[in-house]
Amino acid sequence: MSADGAVHEVPDVERLLDRLERLCAAHDRRAVLGVAGSPGAGKTSLVLAVLAAAATRPVLAGRLAHVPMDGFHLPNAELDRLGRRDRKGAPDTFDAQAYAAVLAAVRDPARPVVTAPSFDHAVGEPVPDALVVPPSADVVLTEGNYLLLDEGPWPAVRAMLDEVWFCGLVDDVRRARLVARHVGAGREEADAAEWVHRSDEANARLVAPTGDLADVVLVDGRIVRRG
């Protein structure tokens, strides 16, 4: 998403909706679609564009739900206690076990109502039980940096995903979007640039190689590889 909240164009959105239709048909339970990628690569923009387009396609309308990874940030008080506040957004600043547990509940064949946290970007804190996955949802979309990371607790998250799409973007464009996002959230431009260089880019270096494990790879909304 851009700094002003606009969703960037996704040229191949119709082809992605075709994949979603097949995913809906492949399981009796809810399916879970993950969207991974480095910070600023357009994960949330892609998900929001897909959700908006799906709402206009009769076979998909009303069948999708959204549970972002952002809601599983550790609270700031816990990050302070752990000494990780200055690297918020790194893999060990999320509750990956809780995230995997929610996705496991989503996949339950009994289709229970599942609640999940959201993330309040204005205050930088998770909001418990703010999202609801209804029994009628057939596919749950979830996006985050570390869905394909093969270390720590993250493989348990990958095991809950039926398919993963990976967002790529030219690094200079991606970094510029990140700086603009941080400035839009209230940081001074110099501080925003320092955070991107120190924190976001360290996370990006972890995430970029995981794109080789994805079922679909997109660059700026265009499919460049698919399984």
C-alpha atoms as a PDB file:
ATOM      1  CA  MET A   1       0.000   0.000   0.000  1.00  0.00           C
ATOM      2  CA  SER A   2       1.231   3.475  -0.757  1.00  0.00           C
ATOM      3  CA  ALA A   3       1.837   6.163   1.829  1.00  0.00           C
ATOM      4  CA  ASP A   4      -1.570   7.695   1.113  1.00  0.00           C
ATOM      5  CA  GLY A   5      -3.372   4.375   1.506  1.00  0.00           C
ATOM      6  CA  ALA A   6      -3.933   3.812  -2.220  1.00  0.00           C
ATOM      7  CA  VAL A   7      -3.746   0.284  -3.589  1.00  0.00           C
ATOM      8  CA  HIS A   8      -1.262  -0.154  -6.436  1.00  0.00           C
ATOM      9  CA  GLU A   9      -2.479  -1.664  -9.703  1.00  0.00           C
ATOM     10  CA  VAL A  10      -2.241  -5.447 -10.056  1.00  0.00           C
ATOM     11  CA  PRO A  11      -2.133  -6.129 -13.821  1.00  0.00           C
ATOM     12  CA  ASP A  12      -2.561  -9.903 -13.430  1.00  0.00           C
ATOM     13  CA  VAL A  13      -5.364  -9.833 -10.871  1.00  0.00           C
ATOM     14  CA  GLU A  14      -7.783 -11.774 -13.111  1.00  0.00           C
ATOM     15  CA  ARG A  15      -5.287 -14.634 -13.489  1.00  0.00           C
ATOM     16  CA  LEU A  16      -4.862 -14.658  -9.715  1.00  0.00           C
ATOM     17  CA  LEU A  17      -8.624 -14.882  -9.255  1.00  0.00           C
ATOM     18  CA  ASP A  18      -8.631 -17.938 -11.511  1.00  0.00           C
ATOM     19  CA  ARG A  19      -6.145 -19.562  -9.122  1.00  0.00           C
ATOM     20  CA  LEU A  20      -8.337 -18.617  -6.182  1.00  0.00           C
ATOM     21  CA  GLU A  21     -11.321 -20.315  -7.812  1.00  0.00           C
ATOM     22  CA  ARG A  22      -9.291 -23.505  -8.146  1.00  0.00           C
ATOM     23  CA  LEU A  23      -8.143 -23.205  -4.542  1.00  0.00           C
ATOM     24  CA  CYS A  24     -11.754 -22.836  -3.392  1.00  0.00           C
ATOM     25  CA  ALA A  25     -12.680 -26.021  -5.242  1.00  0.00           C
ATOM     26  CA  ALA A  26      -9.712 -28.073  -4.008  1.00  0.00           C
ATOM     27  CA  HIS A  27     -10.716 -28.467  -0.351  1.00  0.00           C
ATOM     28  CA  ASP A  28     -13.782 -29.310   1.728  1.00  0.00           C
ATOM     29  CA  ARG A  29     -12.323 -27.214   4.561  1.00  0.00           C
ATOM     30  CA  ARG A  30     -11.261 -23.578   4.318  1.00  0.00           C
ATOM     31  CA  ALA A  31      -8.081 -23.052   2.322  1.00  0.00           C
ATOM     32  CA  VAL A  32      -5.357 -20.620   3.402  1.00  0.00           C
ATOM     33  CA  LEU A  33      -3.484 -18.517   0.856  1.00  0.00           C
ATOM     34  CA  GLY A  34      -0.289 -16.801   1.993  1.00  0.00           C
ATOM     35  CA  VAL A  35       1.247 -13.728   0.371  1.00  0.00           C
ATOM     36  CA  ALA A  36       4.913 -13.267   1.290  1.00  0.00           C
ATOM     37  CA  GLY A  37       7.601 -10.781   0.344  1.00  0.00           C
ATOM     38  CA  SER A  38      10.114  -8.273   1.654  1.00  0.00           C
ATOM     39  CA  PRO A  39       9.016  -5.127   3.515  1.00  0.00           C
ATOM     40  CA  GLY A  40       7.495  -2.653   1.083  1.00  0.00           C
ATOM     41  CA  ALA A  41       7.135  -5.153  -1.788  1.00  0.00           C
ATOM     42  CA  GLY A  42       3.357  -4.713  -2.063  1.00  0.00           C
ATOM     43  CA  LYS A  43       1.913  -7.651  -0.131  1.00  0.00           C
ATOM     44  CA  THR A  44      -1.016  -5.790   1.401  1.00  0.00           C
ATOM     45  CA  SER A  45      -1.704  -3.920  -1.844  1.00  0.00           C
ATOM     46  CA  LEU A  46      -1.913  -7.253  -3.636  1.00  0.00           C
ATOM     47  CA  VAL A  47      -4.256  -8.769  -1.043  1.00  0.00           C
ATOM     48  CA  LEU A  48      -6.552  -5.733  -1.005  1.00  0.00           C
ATOM     49  CA  ALA A  49      -6.670  -5.661  -4.803  1.00  0.00           C
ATOM     50  CA  VAL A  50      -7.528  -9.361  -4.921  1.00  0.00           C
ATOM     51  CA  LEU A  51     -10.235  -8.958  -2.267  1.00  0.00           C
ATOM     52  CA  ALA A  52     -11.776  -6.033  -4.149  1.00  0.00           C
ATOM     53  CA  ALA A  53     -11.708  -7.851  -7.494  1.00  0.00           C
ATOM     54  CA  ALA A  54     -13.071 -11.078  -5.986  1.00  0.00           C
ATOM     55  CA  ALA A  55     -16.074  -9.193  -4.627  1.00  0.00           C
ATOM     56  CA  THR A  56     -17.124  -8.496  -8.228  1.00  0.00           C
ATOM     57  CA  ARG A  57     -16.729 -12.112  -9.432  1.00  0.00           C
ATOM     58  CA  PRO A  58     -19.898 -14.055  -8.522  1.00  0.00           C
ATOM     59  CA  VAL A  59     -18.173 -17.376  -7.887  1.00  0.00           C
ATOM     60  CA  LEU A  60     -15.835 -15.751  -5.310  1.00  0.00           C
ATOM     61  CA  ALA A  61     -17.966 -12.975  -3.818  1.00  0.00           C
ATOM     62  CA  GLY A  62     -18.459 -13.461  -0.091  1.00  0.00           C
ATOM     63  CA  ARG A  63     -16.139 -16.450   0.088  1.00  0.00           C
ATOM     64  CA  LEU A  64     -12.875 -14.768   1.172  1.00  0.00           C
ATOM     65  CA  ALA A  65     -11.600 -13.567   4.551  1.00  0.00           C
ATOM     66  CA  HIS A  66      -8.432 -11.703   5.546  1.00  0.00           C
ATOM     67  CA  VAL A  67      -6.105 -12.353   8.509  1.00  0.00           C
ATOM     68  CA  PRO A  68      -2.823 -10.391   8.153  1.00  0.00           C
ATOM     69  CA  MET A  69       0.338 -11.414   9.995  1.00  0.00           C
ATOM     70  CA  ASP A  70       0.657  -7.837  11.341  1.00  0.00           C
ATOM     71  CA  GLY A  71      -1.821  -8.590  14.118  1.00  0.00           C
ATOM     72  CA  PHE A  72       0.683 -11.000  15.622  1.00  0.00           C
ATOM     73  CA  HIS A  73       3.293  -8.327  16.417  1.00  0.00           C
ATOM     74  CA  LEU A  74       4.341  -8.654  20.036  1.00  0.00           C
ATOM     75  CA  PRO A  75       2.985  -5.736  22.105  1.00  0.00           C
ATOM     76  CA  ASN A  76       5.398  -2.857  22.625  1.00  0.00           C
ATOM     77  CA  ALA A  77       5.611  -3.559  26.358  1.00  0.00           C
ATOM     78  CA  GLU A  78       6.781  -7.105  25.614  1.00  0.00           C
ATOM     79  CA  LEU A  79       9.283  -5.852  23.033  1.00  0.00           C
ATOM     80  CA  ASP A  80      10.646  -3.423  25.638  1.00  0.00           C
ATOM     81  CA  ARG A  81      10.954  -6.254  28.164  1.00  0.00           C
ATOM     82  CA  LEU A  82      12.827  -8.388  25.621  1.00  0.00           C
ATOM     83  CA  GLY A  83      15.010  -5.512  24.413  1.00  0.00           C
ATOM     84  CA  ARG A  84      13.716  -5.814  20.833  1.00  0.00           C
ATOM     85  CA  ARG A  85      11.750  -2.576  20.399  1.00  0.00           C
ATOM     86  CA  ASP A  86      14.434  -1.022  18.174  1.00  0.00           C
ATOM     87  CA  ARG A  87      14.121  -3.920  15.714  1.00  0.00           C
ATOM     88  CA  LYS A  88      10.353  -4.225  15.635  1.00  0.00           C
ATOM     89  CA  GLY A  89       9.347  -6.148  12.527  1.00  0.00           C
ATOM     90  CA  ALA A  90      12.160  -8.721  12.767  1.00  0.00           C
ATOM     91  CA  PRO A  91      11.123 -12.396  12.843  1.00  0.00           C
ATOM     92  CA  ASP A  92      11.461 -12.712  16.617  1.00  0.00           C
ATOM     93  CA  THR A  93       9.208  -9.705  17.270  1.00  0.00           C
ATOM     94  CA  PHE A  94       6.101 -11.670  16.232  1.00  0.00           C
ATOM     95  CA  ASP A  95       4.173 -14.392  18.053  1.00  0.00           C
ATOM     96  CA  ALA A  96       4.581 -16.967  15.291  1.00  0.00           C
ATOM     97  CA  GLN A  97       3.178 -19.764  17.463  1.00  0.00           C
ATOM     98  CA  ALA A  98      -0.090 -17.881  17.982  1.00  0.00           C
ATOM     99  CA  TYR A  99      -0.215 -17.080  14.274  1.00  0.00           C
ATOM    100  CA  ALA A 100       0.175 -20.754  13.330  1.00  0.00           C
ATOM    101  CA  ALA A 101      -2.486 -21.714  15.877  1.00  0.00           C
ATOM    102  CA  VAL A 102      -5.015 -19.299  14.385  1.00  0.00           C
ATOM    103  CA  LEU A 103      -4.319 -20.592  10.880  1.00  0.00           C
ATOM    104  CA  ALA A 104      -4.727 -24.161  12.152  1.00  0.00           C
ATOM    105  CA  ALA A 105      -8.119 -23.205  13.590  1.00  0.00           C
ATOM    106  CA  VAL A 106      -9.060 -21.679  10.232  1.00  0.00           C
ATOM    107  CA  ARG A 107      -8.327 -25.030   8.545  1.00  0.00           C
ATOM    108  CA  ASP A 108     -10.513 -27.026  10.961  1.00  0.00           C
ATOM    109  CA  PRO A 109     -12.998 -29.018   8.816  1.00  0.00           C
ATOM    110  CA  ALA A 110     -15.764 -28.072  11.273  1.00  0.00           C
ATOM    111  CA  ARG A 111     -15.369 -24.432  10.112  1.00  0.00           C
ATOM    112  CA  PRO A 112     -15.673 -22.761  13.508  1.00  0.00           C
ATOM    113  CA  VAL A 113     -15.886 -18.996  13.833  1.00  0.00           C
ATOM    114  CA  VAL A 114     -12.256 -17.897  14.283  1.00  0.00           C
ATOM    115  CA  THR A 115     -11.171 -14.575  15.741  1.00  0.00           C
ATOM    116  CA  ALA A 116      -7.769 -13.020  15.108  1.00  0.00           C
ATOM    117  CA  PRO A 117      -5.934  -9.832  16.091  1.00  0.00           C
ATOM    118  CA  SER A 118      -5.538  -6.849  13.799  1.00  0.00           C
ATOM    119  CA  PHE A 119      -2.830  -4.197  14.002  1.00  0.00           C
ATOM    120  CA  ASP A 120      -3.479  -0.527  14.735  1.00  0.00           C
ATOM    121  CA  HIS A 121      -0.827   1.292  12.706  1.00  0.00           C
ATOM    122  CA  ALA A 122      -1.720   4.624  14.310  1.00  0.00           C
ATOM    123  CA  VAL A 123      -0.570   3.440  17.740  1.00  0.00           C
ATOM    124  CA  GLY A 124       1.688   0.573  16.658  1.00  0.00           C
ATOM    125  CA  GLU A 125      -0.068  -2.110  18.690  1.00  0.00           C
ATOM    126  CA  PRO A 126      -2.025  -5.326  17.982  1.00  0.00           C
ATOM    127  CA  VAL A 127      -5.764  -5.291  18.703  1.00  0.00           C
ATOM    128  CA  PRO A 128      -6.995  -8.657  20.075  1.00  0.00           C
ATOM    129  CA  ASP A 129      -9.961 -10.430  18.449  1.00  0.00           C
ATOM    130  CA  ALA A 130     -10.612  -7.571  16.002  1.00  0.00           C
ATOM    131  CA  LEU A 131     -11.005  -9.857  12.962  1.00  0.00           C
ATOM    132  CA  VAL A 132     -13.569 -12.603  12.442  1.00  0.00           C
ATOM    133  CA  VAL A 133     -13.410 -15.500   9.990  1.00  0.00           C
ATOM    134  CA  PRO A 134     -17.000 -16.694   9.479  1.00  0.00           C
ATOM    135  CA  PRO A 135     -18.012 -20.281   8.657  1.00  0.00           C
ATOM    136  CA  SER A 136     -18.958 -19.104   5.142  1.00  0.00           C
ATOM    137  CA  ALA A 137     -15.359 -18.196   4.214  1.00  0.00           C
ATOM    138  CA  ASP A 138     -13.807 -20.707   1.827  1.00  0.00           C
ATOM    139  CA  VAL A 139     -10.371 -19.068   1.494  1.00  0.00           C
ATOM    140  CA  VAL A 140      -8.488 -16.995   4.059  1.00  0.00           C
ATOM    141  CA  LEU A 141      -5.820 -14.637   2.727  1.00  0.00           C
ATOM    142  CA  THR A 142      -2.904 -13.823   4.973  1.00  0.00           C
ATOM    143  CA  GLU A 143       0.172 -11.737   4.191  1.00  0.00           C
ATOM    144  CA  GLY A 144       3.505 -11.270   5.925  1.00  0.00           C
ATOM    145  CA  ASN A 145       7.244 -11.157   5.425  1.00  0.00           C
ATOM    146  CA  TYR A 146       8.187 -14.506   6.929  1.00  0.00           C
ATOM    147  CA  LEU A 147       5.654 -17.019   5.626  1.00  0.00           C
ATOM    148  CA  LEU A 148       8.370 -18.992   3.813  1.00  0.00           C
ATOM    149  CA  LEU A 149      11.146 -18.581   6.386  1.00  0.00           C
ATOM    150  CA  ASP A 150      12.590 -21.985   7.300  1.00  0.00           C
ATOM    151  CA  GLU A 151      13.990 -21.154  10.727  1.00  0.00           C
ATOM    152  CA  GLY A 152      12.700 -20.774  14.285  1.00  0.00           C
ATOM    153  CA  PRO A 153       8.934 -21.227  14.640  1.00  0.00           C
ATOM    154  CA  TRP A 154       8.109 -20.131  11.077  1.00  0.00           C
ATOM    155  CA  PRO A 155       7.930 -23.576   9.407  1.00  0.00           C
ATOM    156  CA  ALA A 156       4.813 -24.207  11.510  1.00  0.00           C
ATOM    157  CA  VAL A 157       3.208 -21.223   9.776  1.00  0.00           C
ATOM    158  CA  ARG A 158       4.213 -22.467   6.315  1.00  0.00           C
ATOM    159  CA  ALA A 159       2.637 -25.839   7.112  1.00  0.00           C
ATOM    160  CA  MET A 160      -0.753 -24.113   7.465  1.00  0.00           C
ATOM    161  CA  LEU A 161      -0.624 -22.518   4.004  1.00  0.00           C
ATOM    162  CA  ASP A 162      -2.122 -24.304   1.005  1.00  0.00           C
ATOM    163  CA  GLU A 163      -0.465 -21.967  -1.478  1.00  0.00           C
ATOM    164  CA  VAL A 164       1.985 -19.046  -1.234  1.00  0.00           C
ATOM    165  CA  TRP A 165       2.411 -16.102  -3.590  1.00  0.00           C
ATOM    166  CA  PHE A 166       5.576 -14.008  -3.346  1.00  0.00           C
ATOM    167  CA  CYS A 167       5.729 -10.275  -4.099  1.00  0.00           C
ATOM    168  CA  GLY A 168       8.922  -8.856  -5.527  1.00  0.00           C
ATOM    169  CA  LEU A 169       9.775  -5.280  -6.403  1.00  0.00           C
ATOM    170  CA  VAL A 170      12.835  -3.363  -7.625  1.00  0.00           C
ATOM    171  CA  ASP A 171      14.795  -2.532  -4.468  1.00  0.00           C
ATOM    172  CA  ASP A 172      15.050   1.227  -5.070  1.00  0.00           C
ATOM    173  CA  VAL A 173      11.278   1.500  -5.563  1.00  0.00           C
ATOM    174  CA  ARG A 174      10.593  -0.730  -2.575  1.00  0.00           C
ATOM    175  CA  ARG A 175      12.864   1.292  -0.285  1.00  0.00           C
ATOM    176  CA  ALA A 176      11.349   4.587  -1.468  1.00  0.00           C
ATOM    177  CA  ARG A 177       7.874   3.270  -0.675  1.00  0.00           C
ATOM    178  CA  LEU A 178       9.030   2.217   2.783  1.00  0.00           C
ATOM    179  CA  VAL A 179      10.493   5.624   3.567  1.00  0.00           C
ATOM    180  CA  ALA A 180       7.289   7.301   2.386  1.00  0.00           C
ATOM    181  CA  ARG A 181       5.242   4.913   4.527  1.00  0.00           C
ATOM    182  CA  HIS A 182       7.252   5.706   7.654  1.00  0.00           C
ATOM    183  CA  VAL A 183       7.044   9.447   6.973  1.00  0.00           C
ATOM    184  CA  GLY A 184       3.288   9.078   6.536  1.00  0.00           C
ATOM    185  CA  ALA A 185       3.167   7.391   9.944  1.00  0.00           C
ATOM    186  CA  GLY A 186       4.858  10.393  11.586  1.00  0.00           C
ATOM    187  CA  ARG A 187       8.625   9.833  11.353  1.00  0.00           C
ATOM    188  CA  GLU A 188      10.978  12.550  10.174  1.00  0.00           C
ATOM    189  CA  GLU A 189      12.403  11.707   6.741  1.00  0.00           C
ATOM    190  CA  ALA A 190      15.963  11.213   8.007  1.00  0.00           C
ATOM    191  CA  ASP A 191      14.734   8.935  10.792  1.00  0.00           C
ATOM    192  CA  ALA A 192      12.566   7.020   8.323  1.00  0.00           C
ATOM    193  CA  ALA A 193      15.502   6.505   5.956  1.00  0.00           C
ATOM    194  CA  GLU A 194      17.715   5.314   8.837  1.00  0.00           C
ATOM    195  CA  TRP A 195      15.061   2.815   9.983  1.00  0.00           C
ATOM    196  CA  VAL A 196      14.662   1.450   6.452  1.00  0.00           C
ATOM    197  CA  HIS A 197      18.421   1.093   6.000  1.00  0.00           C
ATOM    198  CA  ARG A 198      19.011  -0.516   9.402  1.00  0.00           C
ATOM    199  CA  SER A 199      15.875  -2.524  10.173  1.00  0.00           C
ATOM    200  CA  ASP A 200      13.689  -3.064   7.113  1.00  0.00           C
ATOM    201  CA  GLU A 201      16.606  -3.941   4.865  1.00  0.00           C
ATOM    202  CA  ALA A 202      17.978  -6.474   7.356  1.00  0.00           C
ATOM    203  CA  ASN A 203      14.575  -8.161   7.236  1.00  0.00           C
ATOM    204  CA  ALA A 204      14.463  -7.916   3.435  1.00  0.00           C
ATOM    205  CA  ARG A 205      17.767  -9.786   3.178  1.00  0.00           C
ATOM    206  CA  LEU A 206      16.224 -12.658   5.135  1.00  0.00           C
ATOM    207  CA  VAL A 207      13.063 -12.738   3.065  1.00  0.00           C
ATOM    208  CA  ALA A 208      14.296 -12.295  -0.513  1.00  0.00           C
ATOM    209  CA  PRO A 209      15.770 -15.823  -0.952  1.00  0.00           C
ATOM    210  CA  THR A 210      12.533 -17.445   0.243  1.00  0.00           C
ATOM    211  CA  GLY A 211      10.780 -16.416  -2.974  1.00  0.00           C
ATOM    212  CA  ASP A 212      12.262 -19.528  -4.610  1.00  0.00           C
ATOM    213  CA  LEU A 213       9.870 -21.598  -2.460  1.00  0.00           C
ATOM    214  CA  ALA A 214       6.679 -19.830  -3.572  1.00  0.00           C
ATOM    215  CA  ASP A 215       3.974 -21.238  -5.849  1.00  0.00           C
ATOM    216  CA  VAL A 216       3.622 -17.915  -7.673  1.00  0.00           C
ATOM    217  CA  VAL A 217       6.099 -15.033  -7.932  1.00  0.00           C
ATOM    218  CA  LEU A 218       4.935 -11.540  -8.886  1.00  0.00           C
ATOM    219  CA  VAL A 219       6.938  -8.396  -9.567  1.00  0.00           C
ATOM    220  CA  ASP A 220       4.924  -5.199  -9.182  1.00  0.00           C
ATOM    221  CA  GLY A 221       1.656  -7.055  -9.703  1.00  0.00           C
ATOM    222  CA  ARG A 222       2.741  -9.128 -12.732  1.00  0.00           C
ATOM    223  CA  ILE A 223       3.193 -12.880 -12.572  1.00  0.00           C
ATOM    224  CA  VAL A 224       6.759 -13.816 -13.503  1.00  0.00           C
ATOM    225  CA  ARG A 225       6.701 -17.440 -12.360  1.00  0.00           C
ATOM    226  CA  ARG A 226       4.004 -19.871 -11.331  1.00  0.00           C
ATOM    227  CA  GLY A 227       3.871 -23.524 -10.389  1.00  0.00           C
END
